[in-house]
Amino acid sequence: MSRLLKPAIIDDPRELVELVSEVIGDIISGGFLLDAAVGNDELGYFDLVAVNEDGEGVFFFINPSGGEAEYLGLLKCMRWYQENRYALQKLHTGRVAFGPSPSVFVVAPWYSGSMRKVLLNRGAGRITLLQYVCFQDGNDEKSLFIEKVGDSSEERTDADSLHIPGTSPTDLSRMQTVEADMYLRKFRREMGTDISNVSDEELFDLLK
């Protein structure tokens, strides 16, 4: 007899991280969990790090609320990766490979259209969007139904790209002031949420 499941709400972010960690093998064929809370206090933490069947490290950024402003934390985590990739590789030499750009699975209960576009069209790294629904059975045991709703490697196009034609996000430091201002204004519009408390200098530093 199949279990009777009903929708459930996850109030504790740590519980969601734990539930995601339990289904790593289902999300990544042949994958397994490597570590949790990888990062630092300044730039934040990837919630989980796993290894795929090819021996490559992949990261999980979990947004329990689905709030758009929370994705600024993802940008910080990706910056942390760029600054610490070699140390991470040295720590796992011979066991896991960490490429020049991180492969990230984002887990959230929903995505707005504007945020989906922003995440899937970042210039660096592969981002896969996973949307979850939580259920619980008669014993109050919770489980996740997770569906892939986007993949930057499949959907990124020049027409949808957030960067100015002829430039990439890694070229931000070489942009003229007017070009950089245009880029940042466009990014703020694409975010679709109020990030007025984040300065242009902070955004510029995160995106370059």
C-alpha atoms as a PDB file:
ATOM      1  CA  MET A   1       0.000   0.000   0.000  1.00  0.00           C
ATOM      2  CA  SER A   2       1.374   3.389  -0.961  1.00  0.00           C
ATOM      3  CA  ARG A   3       1.813   6.087   1.652  1.00  0.00           C
ATOM      4  CA  LEU A   4      -0.724   8.900   1.864  1.00  0.00           C
ATOM      5  CA  LEU A   5       1.222  12.094   1.317  1.00  0.00           C
ATOM      6  CA  LYS A   6       0.128  15.647   1.949  1.00  0.00           C
ATOM      7  CA  PRO A   7       1.865  18.965   1.219  1.00  0.00           C
ATOM      8  CA  ALA A   8       4.139  20.211   3.988  1.00  0.00           C
ATOM      9  CA  ILE A   9       6.018  23.384   4.816  1.00  0.00           C
ATOM     10  CA  ILE A  10       9.674  23.422   5.854  1.00  0.00           C
ATOM     11  CA  ASP A  11      10.224  26.109   8.470  1.00  0.00           C
ATOM     12  CA  ASP A  12      13.831  25.278   9.339  1.00  0.00           C
ATOM     13  CA  PRO A  13      16.357  25.901   6.519  1.00  0.00           C
ATOM     14  CA  ARG A  14      18.643  23.290   8.065  1.00  0.00           C
ATOM     15  CA  GLU A  15      15.927  20.687   7.621  1.00  0.00           C
ATOM     16  CA  LEU A  16      15.699  21.519   3.927  1.00  0.00           C
ATOM     17  CA  VAL A  17      19.466  21.187   3.541  1.00  0.00           C
ATOM     18  CA  GLU A  18      19.297  17.792   5.235  1.00  0.00           C
ATOM     19  CA  LEU A  19      16.465  16.623   2.979  1.00  0.00           C
ATOM     20  CA  VAL A  20      18.354  17.716  -0.137  1.00  0.00           C
ATOM     21  CA  SER A  21      21.507  15.963   1.061  1.00  0.00           C
ATOM     22  CA  GLU A  22      19.538  12.714   1.325  1.00  0.00           C
ATOM     23  CA  VAL A  23      18.581  12.754  -2.357  1.00  0.00           C
ATOM     24  CA  ILE A  24      21.916  13.781  -3.906  1.00  0.00           C
ATOM     25  CA  GLY A  25      22.091  10.435  -5.704  1.00  0.00           C
ATOM     26  CA  ASP A  26      18.709  11.057  -7.301  1.00  0.00           C
ATOM     27  CA  ILE A  27      19.576  14.572  -8.415  1.00  0.00           C
ATOM     28  CA  ILE A  28      23.014  13.652  -9.754  1.00  0.00           C
ATOM     29  CA  SER A  29      23.192  10.239 -11.365  1.00  0.00           C
ATOM     30  CA  GLY A  30      25.973   8.365  -9.627  1.00  0.00           C
ATOM     31  CA  GLY A  31      26.680  11.354  -7.395  1.00  0.00           C
ATOM     32  CA  PHE A  32      27.428  11.431  -3.691  1.00  0.00           C
ATOM     33  CA  LEU A  33      27.704  14.038  -0.947  1.00  0.00           C
ATOM     34  CA  LEU A  34      31.188  15.368  -0.231  1.00  0.00           C
ATOM     35  CA  ASP A  35      30.740  18.145   2.317  1.00  0.00           C
ATOM     36  CA  ALA A  36      28.387  20.776   3.709  1.00  0.00           C
ATOM     37  CA  ALA A  37      28.644  24.511   4.420  1.00  0.00           C
ATOM     38  CA  VAL A  38      31.663  25.231   2.229  1.00  0.00           C
ATOM     39  CA  GLY A  39      32.751  28.867   2.097  1.00  0.00           C
ATOM     40  CA  ASN A  40      33.514  31.560   4.656  1.00  0.00           C
ATOM     41  CA  ASP A  41      31.772  34.092   6.889  1.00  0.00           C
ATOM     42  CA  GLU A  42      32.621  37.019   4.623  1.00  0.00           C
ATOM     43  CA  LEU A  43      31.223  35.689   1.344  1.00  0.00           C
ATOM     44  CA  GLY A  44      28.821  33.052   2.603  1.00  0.00           C
ATOM     45  CA  TYR A  45      28.569  29.317   2.118  1.00  0.00           C
ATOM     46  CA  PHE A  46      27.454  26.822  -0.464  1.00  0.00           C
ATOM     47  CA  ASP A  47      25.049  24.606   1.439  1.00  0.00           C
ATOM     48  CA  LEU A  48      26.353  21.331   0.013  1.00  0.00           C
ATOM     49  CA  VAL A  49      29.166  20.049  -2.178  1.00  0.00           C
ATOM     50  CA  ALA A  50      28.766  16.792  -4.077  1.00  0.00           C
ATOM     51  CA  VAL A  51      30.725  14.755  -6.607  1.00  0.00           C
ATOM     52  CA  ASN A  52      29.200  13.625  -9.903  1.00  0.00           C
ATOM     53  CA  GLU A  53      29.887  10.359 -11.718  1.00  0.00           C
ATOM     54  CA  ASP A  54      32.777  11.983 -13.594  1.00  0.00           C
ATOM     55  CA  GLY A  55      34.534  12.905 -10.358  1.00  0.00           C
ATOM     56  CA  GLU A  56      33.742  16.625 -10.679  1.00  0.00           C
ATOM     57  CA  GLY A  57      32.755  18.786  -7.731  1.00  0.00           C
ATOM     58  CA  VAL A  58      29.302  20.358  -7.918  1.00  0.00           C
ATOM     59  CA  PHE A  59      27.762  22.827  -5.492  1.00  0.00           C
ATOM     60  CA  PHE A  60      24.281  23.335  -4.063  1.00  0.00           C
ATOM     61  CA  PHE A  61      22.860  26.732  -3.173  1.00  0.00           C
ATOM     62  CA  ILE A  62      19.553  26.342  -1.338  1.00  0.00           C
ATOM     63  CA  ASN A  63      17.067  29.202  -1.065  1.00  0.00           C
ATOM     64  CA  PRO A  64      14.252  28.051   1.278  1.00  0.00           C
ATOM     65  CA  SER A  65      12.124  31.163   0.779  1.00  0.00           C
ATOM     66  CA  GLY A  66      12.672  31.621  -2.950  1.00  0.00           C
ATOM     67  CA  GLY A  67      13.226  35.321  -2.236  1.00  0.00           C
ATOM     68  CA  GLU A  68      15.043  37.104  -5.044  1.00  0.00           C
ATOM     69  CA  ALA A  69      17.370  39.161  -2.851  1.00  0.00           C
ATOM     70  CA  GLU A  70      18.731  35.905  -1.409  1.00  0.00           C
ATOM     71  CA  TYR A  71      20.439  35.166  -4.723  1.00  0.00           C
ATOM     72  CA  LEU A  72      23.000  37.878  -4.024  1.00  0.00           C
ATOM     73  CA  GLY A  73      24.392  35.260  -1.668  1.00  0.00           C
ATOM     74  CA  LEU A  74      24.889  32.958  -4.644  1.00  0.00           C
ATOM     75  CA  LEU A  75      26.953  35.619  -6.409  1.00  0.00           C
ATOM     76  CA  LYS A  76      29.118  35.920  -3.315  1.00  0.00           C
ATOM     77  CA  CYS A  77      29.564  32.147  -3.129  1.00  0.00           C
ATOM     78  CA  MET A  78      30.662  32.051  -6.763  1.00  0.00           C
ATOM     79  CA  ARG A  79      33.178  34.767  -6.029  1.00  0.00           C
ATOM     80  CA  TRP A  80      34.433  32.710  -3.074  1.00  0.00           C
ATOM     81  CA  TYR A  81      34.891  29.761  -5.419  1.00  0.00           C
ATOM     82  CA  GLN A  82      36.987  31.779  -7.852  1.00  0.00           C
ATOM     83  CA  GLU A  83      39.223  32.986  -5.035  1.00  0.00           C
ATOM     84  CA  ASN A  84      39.609  29.581  -3.357  1.00  0.00           C
ATOM     85  CA  ARG A  85      39.389  27.011  -6.154  1.00  0.00           C
ATOM     86  CA  TYR A  86      43.067  26.137  -6.080  1.00  0.00           C
ATOM     87  CA  ALA A  87      43.050  25.595  -2.320  1.00  0.00           C
ATOM     88  CA  LEU A  88      39.919  23.479  -2.663  1.00  0.00           C
ATOM     89  CA  GLN A  89      41.534  21.441  -5.426  1.00  0.00           C
ATOM     90  CA  LYS A  90      44.676  20.934  -3.374  1.00  0.00           C
ATOM     91  CA  LEU A  91      42.582  19.698  -0.452  1.00  0.00           C
ATOM     92  CA  HIS A  92      40.945  17.062  -2.649  1.00  0.00           C
ATOM     93  CA  THR A  93      43.808  16.254  -5.028  1.00  0.00           C
ATOM     94  CA  GLY A  94      43.333  12.928  -6.764  1.00  0.00           C
ATOM     95  CA  ARG A  95      39.743  12.560  -5.581  1.00  0.00           C
ATOM     96  CA  VAL A  96      37.688  15.443  -6.981  1.00  0.00           C
ATOM     97  CA  ALA A  97      38.198  17.854  -9.882  1.00  0.00           C
ATOM     98  CA  PHE A  98      37.191  21.509  -9.566  1.00  0.00           C
ATOM     99  CA  GLY A  99      37.008  23.337 -12.873  1.00  0.00           C
ATOM    100  CA  PRO A 100      37.621  27.044 -13.613  1.00  0.00           C
ATOM    101  CA  SER A 101      33.915  27.802 -13.156  1.00  0.00           C
ATOM    102  CA  PRO A 102      31.624  26.159 -10.617  1.00  0.00           C
ATOM    103  CA  SER A 103      28.750  23.899 -11.526  1.00  0.00           C
ATOM    104  CA  VAL A 104      25.888  24.919  -9.238  1.00  0.00           C
ATOM    105  CA  PHE A 105      22.499  23.405  -8.495  1.00  0.00           C
ATOM    106  CA  VAL A 106      20.107  26.016  -7.129  1.00  0.00           C
ATOM    107  CA  VAL A 107      17.232  24.640  -5.044  1.00  0.00           C
ATOM    108  CA  ALA A 108      14.166  26.793  -4.357  1.00  0.00           C
ATOM    109  CA  PRO A 109      10.382  26.450  -4.055  1.00  0.00           C
ATOM    110  CA  TRP A 110       9.778  28.892  -6.937  1.00  0.00           C
ATOM    111  CA  TYR A 111      11.497  31.248  -9.381  1.00  0.00           C
ATOM    112  CA  SER A 112      10.195  34.484 -10.839  1.00  0.00           C
ATOM    113  CA  GLY A 113      10.574  34.910 -14.590  1.00  0.00           C
ATOM    114  CA  SER A 114      13.114  37.706 -14.206  1.00  0.00           C
ATOM    115  CA  MET A 115      15.216  35.800 -11.670  1.00  0.00           C
ATOM    116  CA  ARG A 116      15.155  32.661 -13.778  1.00  0.00           C
ATOM    117  CA  LYS A 117      16.554  34.700 -16.672  1.00  0.00           C
ATOM    118  CA  VAL A 118      19.236  36.270 -14.492  1.00  0.00           C
ATOM    119  CA  LEU A 119      20.413  32.937 -13.085  1.00  0.00           C
ATOM    120  CA  LEU A 120      20.438  31.051 -16.371  1.00  0.00           C
ATOM    121  CA  ASN A 121      22.288  33.770 -18.267  1.00  0.00           C
ATOM    122  CA  ARG A 122      25.181  34.468 -15.942  1.00  0.00           C
ATOM    123  CA  GLY A 123      28.388  34.528 -17.914  1.00  0.00           C
ATOM    124  CA  ALA A 124      30.378  32.073 -15.801  1.00  0.00           C
ATOM    125  CA  GLY A 125      29.624  28.610 -14.522  1.00  0.00           C
ATOM    126  CA  ARG A 126      26.827  26.166 -15.191  1.00  0.00           C
ATOM    127  CA  ILE A 127      23.680  26.729 -13.167  1.00  0.00           C
ATOM    128  CA  THR A 128      20.874  24.204 -12.913  1.00  0.00           C
ATOM    129  CA  LEU A 129      17.583  25.315 -11.361  1.00  0.00           C
ATOM    130  CA  LEU A 130      15.722  22.791  -9.226  1.00  0.00           C
ATOM    131  CA  GLN A 131      12.244  23.466  -7.883  1.00  0.00           C
ATOM    132  CA  TYR A 132      10.970  21.464  -4.933  1.00  0.00           C
ATOM    133  CA  VAL A 133       7.694  20.594  -3.249  1.00  0.00           C
ATOM    134  CA  CYS A 134       7.710  19.033   0.199  1.00  0.00           C
ATOM    135  CA  PHE A 135       5.336  16.276   1.319  1.00  0.00           C
ATOM    136  CA  GLN A 136       4.873  14.429   4.580  1.00  0.00           C
ATOM    137  CA  ASP A 137       3.254  11.104   5.365  1.00  0.00           C
ATOM    138  CA  GLY A 138       1.077   9.964   8.237  1.00  0.00           C
ATOM    139  CA  ASN A 139       4.145   9.634  10.445  1.00  0.00           C
ATOM    140  CA  ASP A 140       5.114  13.248   9.718  1.00  0.00           C
ATOM    141  CA  GLU A 141       8.153  12.098   7.778  1.00  0.00           C
ATOM    142  CA  LYS A 142       8.989  14.638   5.083  1.00  0.00           C
ATOM    143  CA  SER A 143      10.240  14.021   1.574  1.00  0.00           C
ATOM    144  CA  LEU A 144      10.941  16.190  -1.451  1.00  0.00           C
ATOM    145  CA  PHE A 145       9.676  16.102  -4.994  1.00  0.00           C
ATOM    146  CA  ILE A 146      12.376  17.875  -7.019  1.00  0.00           C
ATOM    147  CA  GLU A 147      12.067  18.912 -10.651  1.00  0.00           C
ATOM    148  CA  LYS A 148      14.648  20.485 -12.946  1.00  0.00           C
ATOM    149  CA  VAL A 149      13.195  23.709 -14.359  1.00  0.00           C
ATOM    150  CA  GLY A 150      16.217  25.213 -16.092  1.00  0.00           C
ATOM    151  CA  ASP A 151      19.835  24.679 -17.121  1.00  0.00           C
ATOM    152  CA  SER A 152      22.144  27.467 -18.256  1.00  0.00           C
ATOM    153  CA  SER A 153      24.093  25.141 -20.551  1.00  0.00           C
ATOM    154  CA  GLU A 154      20.898  24.428 -22.475  1.00  0.00           C
ATOM    155  CA  GLU A 155      19.150  27.782 -22.359  1.00  0.00           C
ATOM    156  CA  ARG A 156      21.794  30.507 -22.397  1.00  0.00           C
ATOM    157  CA  THR A 157      21.600  32.516 -25.609  1.00  0.00           C
ATOM    158  CA  ASP A 158      23.296  35.639 -26.856  1.00  0.00           C
ATOM    159  CA  ALA A 159      19.922  37.346 -27.148  1.00  0.00           C
ATOM    160  CA  ASP A 160      19.149  36.745 -23.482  1.00  0.00           C
ATOM    161  CA  SER A 161      22.618  37.453 -22.172  1.00  0.00           C
ATOM    162  CA  LEU A 162      22.891  40.056 -19.471  1.00  0.00           C
ATOM    163  CA  HIS A 163      26.196  41.420 -20.653  1.00  0.00           C
ATOM    164  CA  ILE A 164      26.719  44.214 -23.133  1.00  0.00           C
ATOM    165  CA  PRO A 165      27.286  42.808 -26.660  1.00  0.00           C
ATOM    166  CA  GLY A 166      30.942  42.102 -27.240  1.00  0.00           C
ATOM    167  CA  THR A 167      31.734  41.933 -23.538  1.00  0.00           C
ATOM    168  CA  SER A 168      31.631  39.262 -20.888  1.00  0.00           C
ATOM    169  CA  PRO A 169      31.151  39.628 -17.132  1.00  0.00           C
ATOM    170  CA  THR A 170      34.841  38.869 -16.672  1.00  0.00           C
ATOM    171  CA  ASP A 171      35.598  42.013 -18.709  1.00  0.00           C
ATOM    172  CA  LEU A 172      33.796  44.300 -16.264  1.00  0.00           C
ATOM    173  CA  SER A 173      37.045  45.596 -14.828  1.00  0.00           C
ATOM    174  CA  ARG A 174      38.041  46.857 -18.297  1.00  0.00           C
ATOM    175  CA  MET A 175      34.741  48.581 -19.072  1.00  0.00           C
ATOM    176  CA  GLN A 176      34.484  52.308 -19.426  1.00  0.00           C
ATOM    177  CA  THR A 177      32.477  53.992 -16.664  1.00  0.00           C
ATOM    178  CA  VAL A 178      29.415  54.562 -18.882  1.00  0.00           C
ATOM    179  CA  GLU A 179      29.384  50.935 -20.051  1.00  0.00           C
ATOM    180  CA  ALA A 180      29.721  49.649 -16.497  1.00  0.00           C
ATOM    181  CA  ASP A 181      26.855  51.886 -15.333  1.00  0.00           C
ATOM    182  CA  MET A 182      24.673  50.550 -18.151  1.00  0.00           C
ATOM    183  CA  TYR A 183      25.512  46.978 -17.188  1.00  0.00           C
ATOM    184  CA  LEU A 184      24.710  47.520 -13.513  1.00  0.00           C
ATOM    185  CA  ARG A 185      21.441  49.315 -14.228  1.00  0.00           C
ATOM    186  CA  LYS A 186      20.387  46.429 -16.487  1.00  0.00           C
ATOM    187  CA  PHE A 187      21.327  43.908 -13.816  1.00  0.00           C
ATOM    188  CA  ARG A 188      19.256  45.769 -11.218  1.00  0.00           C
ATOM    189  CA  ARG A 189      16.246  45.711 -13.555  1.00  0.00           C
ATOM    190  CA  GLU A 190      16.695  41.998 -14.267  1.00  0.00           C
ATOM    191  CA  MET A 191      16.881  41.204 -10.554  1.00  0.00           C
ATOM    192  CA  GLY A 192      13.234  42.219 -10.260  1.00  0.00           C
ATOM    193  CA  THR A 193      13.622  42.977  -6.568  1.00  0.00           C
ATOM    194  CA  ASP A 194      14.757  45.875  -4.412  1.00  0.00           C
ATOM    195  CA  ILE A 195      18.515  45.816  -4.036  1.00  0.00           C
ATOM    196  CA  SER A 196      18.855  49.553  -3.457  1.00  0.00           C
ATOM    197  CA  ASN A 197      20.764  48.776  -0.261  1.00  0.00           C
ATOM    198  CA  VAL A 198      23.550  47.238  -2.376  1.00  0.00           C
ATOM    199  CA  SER A 199      25.956  49.799  -3.809  1.00  0.00           C
ATOM    200  CA  ASP A 200      27.182  49.817  -7.410  1.00  0.00           C
ATOM    201  CA  GLU A 201      30.681  49.131  -6.092  1.00  0.00           C
ATOM    202  CA  GLU A 202      29.488  45.980  -4.307  1.00  0.00           C
ATOM    203  CA  LEU A 203      27.599  44.737  -7.364  1.00  0.00           C
ATOM    204  CA  PHE A 204      30.559  45.494  -9.606  1.00  0.00           C
ATOM    205  CA  ASP A 205      32.825  43.540  -7.269  1.00  0.00           C
ATOM    206  CA  LEU A 206      30.438  40.565  -7.179  1.00  0.00           C
ATOM    207  CA  LEU A 207      29.902  40.352 -10.913  1.00  0.00           C
ATOM    208  CA  LYS A 208      33.424  40.785 -12.212  1.00  0.00           C
END
